[in-house]
Amino acid sequence: MPTASCACVAVLALLSLNACEVPDATADSPLNWTFTPTLRLGSTSGPDGLYGVDEHSITLGPEGTFVVLDKGNYRVLTFDPNGTLVGEFGSQGEGPAAFGYPVAVLGPRSDTIRVLDGPSSSYKVFDSRGEFLWQEPVDGIFELGTRQRLVEGGTMVMREVGYYSDAPTVTDHLLMVRAPGDTLALATLVKRARGDLAVPECGILSMSVSPLFDPALVWDAMGDVVAVNDQPEYVIQIFEGGTRARFLERPIEAAAVNREVALERIGEGSTVGVAGRRCRIDPVEELETRGFEERRQVVSGIRVDGEGWIWARRHAAPLSEPDRFVTDVFDPDGVYQGTLPEGAPWPATFTADGRVVALETDELDIQSFVVYSVGRTGA
């Protein structure tokens, strides 16, 4: 994959007037990359129409193929490198090769595709042609969330603890499961528990609501590289082979939140609906139940590409404005290379040749994965 600019060490910069310059991380440096759509996976109609997919519904198969978990249709689709549908497997049901409800697709590993199935609490394992091979019960530590990644050292997984208890806090763990009984904890985030809100006028006696500006473990992994942000500040930990290797930082402060800001964000109050009836929640009551974090987390998304480049999505608007996001890019050495403009595609994953695969939804709510070639013209 070509680089946007070279990362120079200070010694070389002093010795040579022609040494390349590293962008200043204290201010945004526009990154003038171009994104050109090359193919689309999924269509408005026909056998390759997608329903209910998310950013974790795609993985790469062997020889440049794309494997898409079409969750709403209980199936897995395989597209060739040109975007043509060439295979389909899976169905709704309780049989070994069927899905009660598929929640995530992982692969390939040893030329197999693994589909995490919720009701059966298991991985359904298929070969690259879609032939069912075996079924593995999910170890309790894995949970059943979509946020899982296969890495060279094992499986990266989020584990959530305390969400269904009366404890005042809950905990998210980022774990590398290397083998049964061999689990390495990389990051932990303790945060305020959800509140229980009643909306009797809409027939809701209790509903779980998260605090405003709820923090999250933001992470991604590819190869042996794991990147994670576990705090409001712009600090990203980089692990290689399960060992912390370095930090990526930018001096961008987390925006402070107070009661006035929180009430402004709630606005007229959230709406809920039951049996066709919609009710608006009193904003003060909603705030009292939900509470709020004192700072808004800067980093909202992380992606790791096949060459170890880190893409960090962050808030680009003050709290008084609607959310807007831009993407910062760091090279494999952790050097800030620049910031992509608003509207640049946010990767769901990357191809082996460095293209970006982004999930997009059109004005009719039809979903597809669009593959973009990237022109890296430098900062």
Protein backbone atom coordinates (compact mmCIF):
# COMPACT_ATOMS: atom_id res chain seq x y z
CA MET A 1 0.00 0.00 0.00
CA PRO A 2 1.56 3.37 -0.93
CA THR A 3 2.15 5.84 1.87
CA ALA A 4 0.79 9.35 2.06
CA SER A 5 4.01 10.87 3.32
CA CYS A 6 7.11 9.56 5.00
CA ALA A 7 7.59 9.80 8.74
CA CYS A 8 10.90 11.47 9.50
CA VAL A 9 12.82 11.18 12.72
CA ALA A 10 14.13 14.37 14.28
CA VAL A 11 17.78 13.51 13.60
CA LEU A 12 17.22 13.20 9.86
CA ALA A 13 15.23 16.42 9.81
CA LEU A 14 18.19 18.26 11.29
CA LEU A 15 20.66 16.73 8.84
CA SER A 16 18.80 17.29 5.61
CA LEU A 17 16.98 20.29 4.22
CA ASN A 18 15.12 17.89 1.91
CA ALA A 19 13.79 15.74 4.77
CA CYS A 20 10.04 15.19 4.57
CA GLU A 21 7.82 16.90 7.10
CA VAL A 22 5.50 15.19 9.55
CA PRO A 23 2.14 16.99 9.90
CA ASP A 24 1.69 18.95 13.12
CA ALA A 25 -0.60 16.90 15.38
CA THR A 26 -1.72 20.00 17.28
CA ALA A 27 -3.75 21.25 14.29
CA ASP A 28 -5.67 19.44 11.57
CA SER A 29 -3.67 18.89 8.39
CA PRO A 30 -6.06 18.32 5.44
CA LEU A 31 -5.48 14.95 3.83
CA ASN A 32 -6.42 15.23 0.18
CA TRP A 33 -7.07 11.59 -0.56
CA THR A 34 -9.64 10.69 -3.19
CA PHE A 35 -12.18 7.87 -2.89
CA THR A 36 -13.48 6.36 -6.12
CA PRO A 37 -16.27 3.75 -6.00
CA THR A 38 -15.25 0.62 -7.89
CA LEU A 39 -18.07 -1.81 -7.12
CA ARG A 40 -21.19 -2.27 -5.00
CA LEU A 41 -22.24 -5.34 -3.02
CA GLY A 42 -26.01 -5.59 -2.74
CA SER A 43 -28.80 -4.16 -4.88
CA THR A 44 -32.26 -2.64 -4.62
CA SER A 45 -33.83 -5.89 -5.75
CA GLY A 46 -32.88 -9.38 -6.81
CA PRO A 47 -31.05 -12.22 -5.09
CA ASP A 48 -28.28 -10.00 -3.70
CA GLY A 49 -30.55 -7.58 -1.81
CA LEU A 50 -29.38 -7.03 1.79
CA TYR A 51 -31.50 -6.53 4.88
CA GLY A 52 -30.45 -5.73 8.45
CA VAL A 53 -26.69 -5.62 7.88
CA ASP A 54 -24.23 -3.53 9.92
CA GLU A 55 -20.54 -2.65 9.86
CA HIS A 56 -19.70 -6.07 11.33
CA SER A 57 -21.61 -7.99 8.65
CA ILE A 58 -18.75 -8.30 6.18
CA THR A 59 -15.45 -10.12 6.09
CA LEU A 60 -13.00 -11.08 3.37
CA GLY A 61 -12.87 -14.58 1.97
CA PRO A 62 -10.04 -16.31 0.11
CA GLU A 63 -8.74 -14.97 -3.22
CA GLY A 64 -10.31 -11.54 -2.83
CA THR A 65 -13.91 -12.64 -2.31
CA PHE A 66 -16.35 -10.78 -0.07
CA VAL A 67 -18.45 -12.62 2.52
CA VAL A 68 -21.56 -10.76 3.72
CA LEU A 69 -23.84 -11.84 6.55
CA ASP A 70 -27.33 -10.87 5.39
CA LYS A 71 -28.78 -11.01 8.90
CA GLY A 72 -32.34 -10.08 8.12
CA ASN A 73 -32.56 -12.87 5.53
CA TYR A 74 -30.71 -15.49 7.65
CA ARG A 75 -28.06 -16.21 5.07
CA VAL A 76 -24.47 -15.61 4.01
CA LEU A 77 -23.66 -14.27 0.54
CA THR A 78 -20.35 -14.63 -1.29
CA PHE A 79 -19.30 -12.10 -3.94
CA ASP A 80 -16.33 -12.52 -6.27
CA PRO A 81 -13.66 -9.77 -6.51
CA ASN A 82 -15.76 -8.07 -9.22
CA GLY A 83 -18.80 -7.81 -6.95
CA THR A 84 -20.80 -10.58 -8.64
CA LEU A 85 -22.88 -12.83 -6.39
CA VAL A 86 -21.42 -16.33 -6.71
CA GLY A 87 -22.70 -18.21 -3.67
CA GLU A 88 -25.24 -18.32 -0.88
CA PHE A 89 -25.69 -20.54 2.15
CA GLY A 90 -27.70 -20.68 5.36
CA SER A 91 -31.38 -20.43 6.18
CA GLN A 92 -33.68 -19.74 9.10
CA GLY A 93 -34.20 -22.71 11.36
CA GLU A 94 -32.76 -24.96 14.05
CA GLY A 95 -30.72 -27.41 11.97
CA PRO A 96 -26.91 -27.60 12.13
CA ALA A 97 -26.44 -25.43 9.02
CA ALA A 98 -29.37 -23.08 9.79
CA PHE A 99 -29.49 -19.90 11.89
CA GLY A 100 -31.86 -19.03 14.70
CA TYR A 101 -30.59 -15.48 14.33
CA PRO A 102 -27.07 -14.76 13.06
CA VAL A 103 -25.33 -11.84 14.76
CA ALA A 104 -21.75 -11.79 13.43
CA VAL A 105 -19.52 -13.28 10.76
CA LEU A 106 -15.81 -13.94 11.29
CA GLY A 107 -13.23 -15.26 8.94
CA PRO A 108 -11.36 -16.53 7.26
CA ARG A 109 -9.26 -18.75 9.47
CA SER A 110 -7.92 -21.98 8.02
CA ASP A 111 -10.17 -21.25 5.03
CA THR A 112 -13.33 -21.35 7.17
CA ILE A 113 -16.14 -18.87 7.77
CA ARG A 114 -17.58 -18.66 11.28
CA VAL A 115 -21.09 -17.35 11.90
CA LEU A 116 -22.10 -16.50 15.46
CA ASP A 117 -25.68 -17.66 16.00
CA GLY A 118 -27.63 -16.17 18.89
CA PRO A 119 -30.35 -18.68 19.83
CA SER A 120 -28.02 -21.68 19.63
CA SER A 121 -25.18 -19.77 21.40
CA SER A 122 -22.67 -21.25 19.00
CA TYR A 123 -20.42 -20.69 16.06
CA LYS A 124 -21.62 -22.39 12.88
CA VAL A 125 -18.44 -23.14 10.90
CA PHE A 126 -18.50 -23.44 7.09
CA ASP A 127 -15.83 -23.87 4.45
CA SER A 128 -15.27 -21.17 1.83
CA ARG A 129 -17.81 -22.87 -0.48
CA GLY A 130 -20.54 -22.73 2.17
CA GLU A 131 -20.44 -26.38 3.16
CA PHE A 132 -21.28 -26.87 6.84
CA LEU A 133 -18.34 -28.31 8.80
CA TRP A 134 -19.09 -28.22 12.52
CA GLN A 135 -20.72 -26.29 15.36
CA GLU A 136 -18.88 -24.89 18.39
CA PRO A 137 -20.63 -23.82 21.61
CA VAL A 138 -19.77 -20.25 22.59
CA ASP A 139 -17.65 -20.04 25.70
CA GLY A 140 -19.35 -17.85 28.31
CA ILE A 141 -16.62 -15.25 28.05
CA PHE A 142 -17.45 -14.51 24.43
CA GLU A 143 -20.99 -13.26 24.92
CA LEU A 144 -23.07 -12.84 21.75
CA GLY A 145 -22.26 -9.33 20.57
CA THR A 146 -21.34 -8.29 17.07
CA ARG A 147 -18.02 -6.78 18.10
CA GLN A 148 -15.64 -9.65 17.48
CA ARG A 149 -12.53 -9.96 15.32
CA LEU A 150 -10.22 -12.81 14.40
CA VAL A 151 -6.57 -11.89 14.89
CA GLU A 152 -3.36 -13.83 14.49
CA GLY A 153 -3.15 -14.56 18.19
CA GLY A 154 -6.77 -15.59 18.77
CA THR A 155 -10.16 -13.90 18.87
CA MET A 156 -10.77 -10.32 20.02
CA VAL A 157 -14.07 -9.93 21.81
CA MET A 158 -15.98 -7.45 23.98
CA ARG A 159 -17.40 -8.73 27.25
CA GLU A 160 -20.02 -6.66 29.07
CA VAL A 161 -20.46 -7.21 32.81
CA GLY A 162 -23.18 -6.00 35.15
CA TYR A 163 -25.66 -4.68 32.59
CA TYR A 164 -28.52 -6.73 34.04
CA SER A 165 -27.79 -6.21 37.73
CA ASP A 166 -28.68 -3.47 40.21
CA ALA A 167 -25.06 -2.35 40.58
CA PRO A 168 -24.39 1.39 40.13
CA THR A 169 -21.70 0.72 37.51
CA VAL A 170 -21.15 -1.65 34.59
CA THR A 171 -17.89 -2.79 33.02
CA ASP A 172 -16.75 -3.43 29.45
CA HIS A 173 -13.72 -5.68 28.91
CA LEU A 174 -11.70 -6.00 25.71
CA LEU A 175 -10.24 -9.50 25.65
CA MET A 176 -7.99 -11.58 23.46
CA VAL A 177 -9.09 -15.20 23.73
CA ARG A 178 -6.05 -17.20 22.63
CA ALA A 179 -7.34 -20.65 23.62
CA PRO A 180 -9.86 -22.12 26.08
CA GLY A 181 -8.71 -20.96 29.49
CA ASP A 182 -6.12 -18.58 28.02
CA THR A 183 -7.57 -15.07 27.93
CA LEU A 184 -5.64 -11.81 27.92
CA ALA A 185 -7.33 -8.58 29.05
CA LEU A 186 -6.22 -5.55 27.02
CA ALA A 187 -8.54 -2.77 28.23
CA THR A 188 -11.32 -2.15 30.73
CA LEU A 189 -13.91 0.62 30.99
CA VAL A 190 -16.06 1.12 34.09
CA LYS A 191 -19.03 3.40 33.57
CA ARG A 192 -22.35 4.47 35.01
CA ALA A 193 -25.15 1.89 34.86
CA ARG A 194 -28.30 2.45 32.84
CA GLY A 195 -31.42 3.87 34.47
CA ASP A 196 -34.99 2.54 34.45
CA LEU A 197 -37.51 4.97 33.01
CA ALA A 198 -41.29 4.51 33.19
CA VAL A 199 -43.63 5.93 30.54
CA PRO A 200 -47.06 4.90 31.89
CA GLU A 201 -48.97 7.01 29.39
CA CYS A 202 -47.54 4.79 26.66
CA GLY A 203 -47.98 1.57 28.65
CA ILE A 204 -44.26 1.24 29.45
CA LEU A 205 -43.65 0.41 33.10
CA SER A 206 -39.87 0.23 32.78
CA MET A 207 -37.37 0.79 29.99
CA SER A 208 -33.58 0.80 30.21
CA VAL A 209 -31.91 4.09 29.21
CA SER A 210 -28.21 4.90 28.95
CA PRO A 211 -26.61 8.07 30.34
CA LEU A 212 -26.20 10.89 27.87
CA PHE A 213 -22.75 10.90 26.26
CA ASP A 214 -22.25 7.33 27.44
CA PRO A 215 -18.55 6.38 26.97
CA ALA A 216 -17.50 3.23 25.14
CA LEU A 217 -14.56 0.98 24.48
CA VAL A 218 -13.78 1.99 20.90
CA TRP A 219 -11.56 -0.55 19.15
CA ASP A 220 -10.65 -2.53 16.07
CA ALA A 221 -8.16 -5.25 15.15
CA MET A 222 -6.53 -6.73 12.06
CA GLY A 223 -3.59 -9.09 11.71
CA ASP A 224 -1.79 -8.88 15.05
CA VAL A 225 -2.59 -5.18 15.62
CA VAL A 226 -5.28 -4.06 18.08
CA ALA A 227 -6.13 -0.38 18.60
CA VAL A 228 -8.36 0.79 21.47
CA ASN A 229 -9.56 4.04 23.04
CA ASP A 230 -10.92 3.62 26.57
CA GLN A 231 -11.16 7.20 27.87
CA PRO A 232 -12.61 10.61 26.94
CA GLU A 233 -9.21 11.93 25.84
CA TYR A 234 -7.70 11.36 22.40
CA VAL A 235 -5.38 8.52 23.43
CA ILE A 236 -5.33 5.28 21.42
CA GLN A 237 -3.42 2.26 22.69
CA ILE A 238 -1.78 0.04 20.08
CA PHE A 239 -1.15 -3.62 20.89
CA GLU A 240 0.90 -5.97 18.74
CA GLY A 241 0.65 -9.68 19.48
CA GLY A 242 -1.20 -8.86 22.71
CA THR A 243 1.57 -6.56 24.00
CA ARG A 244 1.17 -2.79 24.26
CA ALA A 245 3.51 -1.29 21.67
CA ARG A 246 2.74 2.47 21.65
CA PHE A 247 0.17 5.21 22.07
CA LEU A 248 -1.36 7.53 19.47
CA GLU A 249 -2.34 10.94 20.79
CA ARG A 250 -3.65 14.27 19.60
CA PRO A 251 -4.07 17.31 21.89
CA ILE A 252 -7.82 17.54 21.36
CA GLU A 253 -9.70 18.00 24.63
CA ALA A 254 -12.91 16.20 25.45
CA ALA A 255 -15.81 18.66 25.42
CA ALA A 256 -17.18 19.46 28.89
CA VAL A 257 -20.83 18.57 29.55
CA ASN A 258 -23.08 20.23 32.15
CA ARG A 259 -26.78 20.05 32.94
CA GLU A 260 -27.63 22.87 30.53
CA VAL A 261 -25.78 21.15 27.68
CA ALA A 262 -27.42 17.81 28.51
CA LEU A 263 -30.92 19.35 28.49
CA GLU A 264 -30.17 21.05 25.18
CA ARG A 265 -29.12 17.70 23.70
CA ILE A 266 -32.36 16.02 24.88
CA GLY A 267 -34.38 18.83 23.36
CA GLU A 268 -38.12 18.26 23.64
CA GLY A 269 -37.55 14.75 24.97
CA SER A 270 -37.18 11.36 23.36
CA THR A 271 -40.13 9.60 21.78
CA VAL A 272 -41.13 5.98 22.28
CA GLY A 273 -43.76 3.92 20.56
CA VAL A 274 -45.85 0.90 21.51
CA ALA A 275 -48.49 -0.76 19.32
CA GLY A 276 -48.59 2.18 16.94
CA ARG A 277 -48.87 4.76 19.72
CA ARG A 278 -46.07 7.27 20.17
CA CYS A 279 -45.34 9.18 23.37
CA ARG A 280 -42.85 11.93 24.15
CA ILE A 281 -40.88 11.72 27.39
CA ASP A 282 -40.64 14.79 29.60
CA PRO A 283 -37.07 16.06 29.04
CA VAL A 284 -36.37 16.90 32.72
CA GLU A 285 -37.62 13.50 33.86
CA GLU A 286 -35.58 11.82 31.16
CA LEU A 287 -32.42 13.65 32.22
CA GLU A 288 -32.97 12.84 35.90
CA THR A 289 -33.25 9.15 35.04
CA ARG A 290 -30.48 8.95 32.49
CA GLY A 291 -27.91 11.27 33.99
CA PHE A 292 -24.95 12.36 31.88
CA GLU A 293 -21.20 12.02 31.62
CA GLU A 294 -19.18 15.14 32.38
CA ARG A 295 -17.18 14.94 29.12
CA ARG A 296 -17.96 13.75 25.61
CA GLN A 297 -15.54 11.13 24.33
CA VAL A 298 -13.43 12.52 21.48
CA VAL A 299 -12.89 9.28 19.53
CA SER A 300 -16.03 7.60 18.21
CA GLY A 301 -14.57 4.94 15.89
CA ILE A 302 -11.31 3.13 15.08
CA ARG A 303 -10.27 1.02 12.11
CA VAL A 304 -7.02 -0.87 11.49
CA ASP A 305 -6.12 -1.62 7.87
CA GLY A 306 -4.02 -4.48 6.54
CA GLU A 307 -0.80 -2.44 6.65
CA GLY A 308 -1.25 -1.32 10.24
CA TRP A 309 -2.50 2.19 9.46
CA ILE A 310 -4.96 3.51 12.06
CA TRP A 311 -8.10 5.40 11.06
CA ALA A 312 -9.65 7.31 13.99
CA ARG A 313 -13.08 8.88 13.65
CA ARG A 314 -13.75 11.82 15.96
CA HIS A 315 -16.25 14.57 16.69
CA ALA A 316 -15.67 17.70 14.63
CA ALA A 317 -18.46 19.93 15.97
CA PRO A 318 -18.99 21.65 19.34
CA LEU A 319 -21.67 20.31 21.65
CA SER A 320 -24.01 23.12 20.65
CA GLU A 321 -24.19 21.81 17.07
CA PRO A 322 -25.42 18.52 15.55
CA ASP A 323 -22.82 15.77 15.47
CA ARG A 324 -20.31 15.91 12.62
CA PHE A 325 -17.34 13.59 12.20
CA VAL A 326 -13.95 13.59 10.49
CA THR A 327 -11.31 10.87 10.24
CA ASP A 328 -7.67 11.18 11.32
CA VAL A 329 -5.13 8.83 9.75
CA PHE A 330 -1.92 7.55 11.40
CA ASP A 331 0.81 5.53 9.68
CA PRO A 332 2.04 2.17 11.08
CA ASP A 333 4.62 4.00 13.22
CA GLY A 334 1.86 5.98 14.90
CA VAL A 335 2.65 9.28 13.15
CA TYR A 336 -0.32 11.52 12.39
CA GLN A 337 -0.59 11.91 8.61
CA GLY A 338 -3.62 14.16 8.30
CA THR A 339 -7.39 14.48 8.53
CA LEU A 340 -9.88 13.41 5.89
CA PRO A 341 -12.76 15.79 5.09
CA GLU A 342 -16.31 15.27 6.27
CA GLY A 343 -18.12 12.87 4.00
CA ALA A 344 -15.13 10.60 3.37
CA PRO A 345 -16.33 6.96 3.53
CA TRP A 346 -15.94 5.35 6.93
CA PRO A 347 -14.49 1.84 6.48
CA ALA A 348 -16.32 -1.26 7.61
CA THR A 349 -13.22 -3.18 6.52
CA PHE A 350 -10.38 -3.06 3.98
CA THR A 351 -9.45 -5.29 1.06
CA ALA A 352 -6.03 -6.89 0.74
CA ASP A 353 -5.03 -4.31 -1.89
CA GLY A 354 -5.94 -1.35 0.34
CA ARG A 355 -9.41 -0.46 -0.87
CA VAL A 356 -12.03 0.77 1.60
CA VAL A 357 -15.30 -1.14 2.04
CA ALA A 358 -18.03 1.12 3.49
CA LEU A 359 -21.62 0.40 4.50
CA GLU A 360 -24.02 2.87 2.91
CA THR A 361 -27.78 3.41 3.09
CA ASP A 362 -29.66 5.33 0.40
CA GLU A 363 -32.71 7.57 0.71
CA LEU A 364 -34.99 4.51 0.50
CA ASP A 365 -33.11 2.81 3.41
CA ILE A 366 -31.62 0.23 1.04
CA GLN A 367 -28.26 -0.98 2.29
CA SER A 368 -25.17 -1.96 0.34
CA PHE A 369 -21.43 -2.22 0.78
CA VAL A 370 -19.48 0.08 -1.54
CA VAL A 371 -15.83 -0.62 -2.35
CA TYR A 372 -13.64 2.45 -2.95
CA SER A 373 -10.17 2.71 -4.38
CA VAL A 374 -8.08 5.24 -2.46
CA GLY A 375 -5.86 7.84 -4.11
CA ARG A 376 -3.27 8.79 -1.52
CA THR A 377 -2.02 12.13 -2.75
CA GLY A 378 -0.49 13.20 0.55
CA ALA A 379 -1.25 15.84 3.10
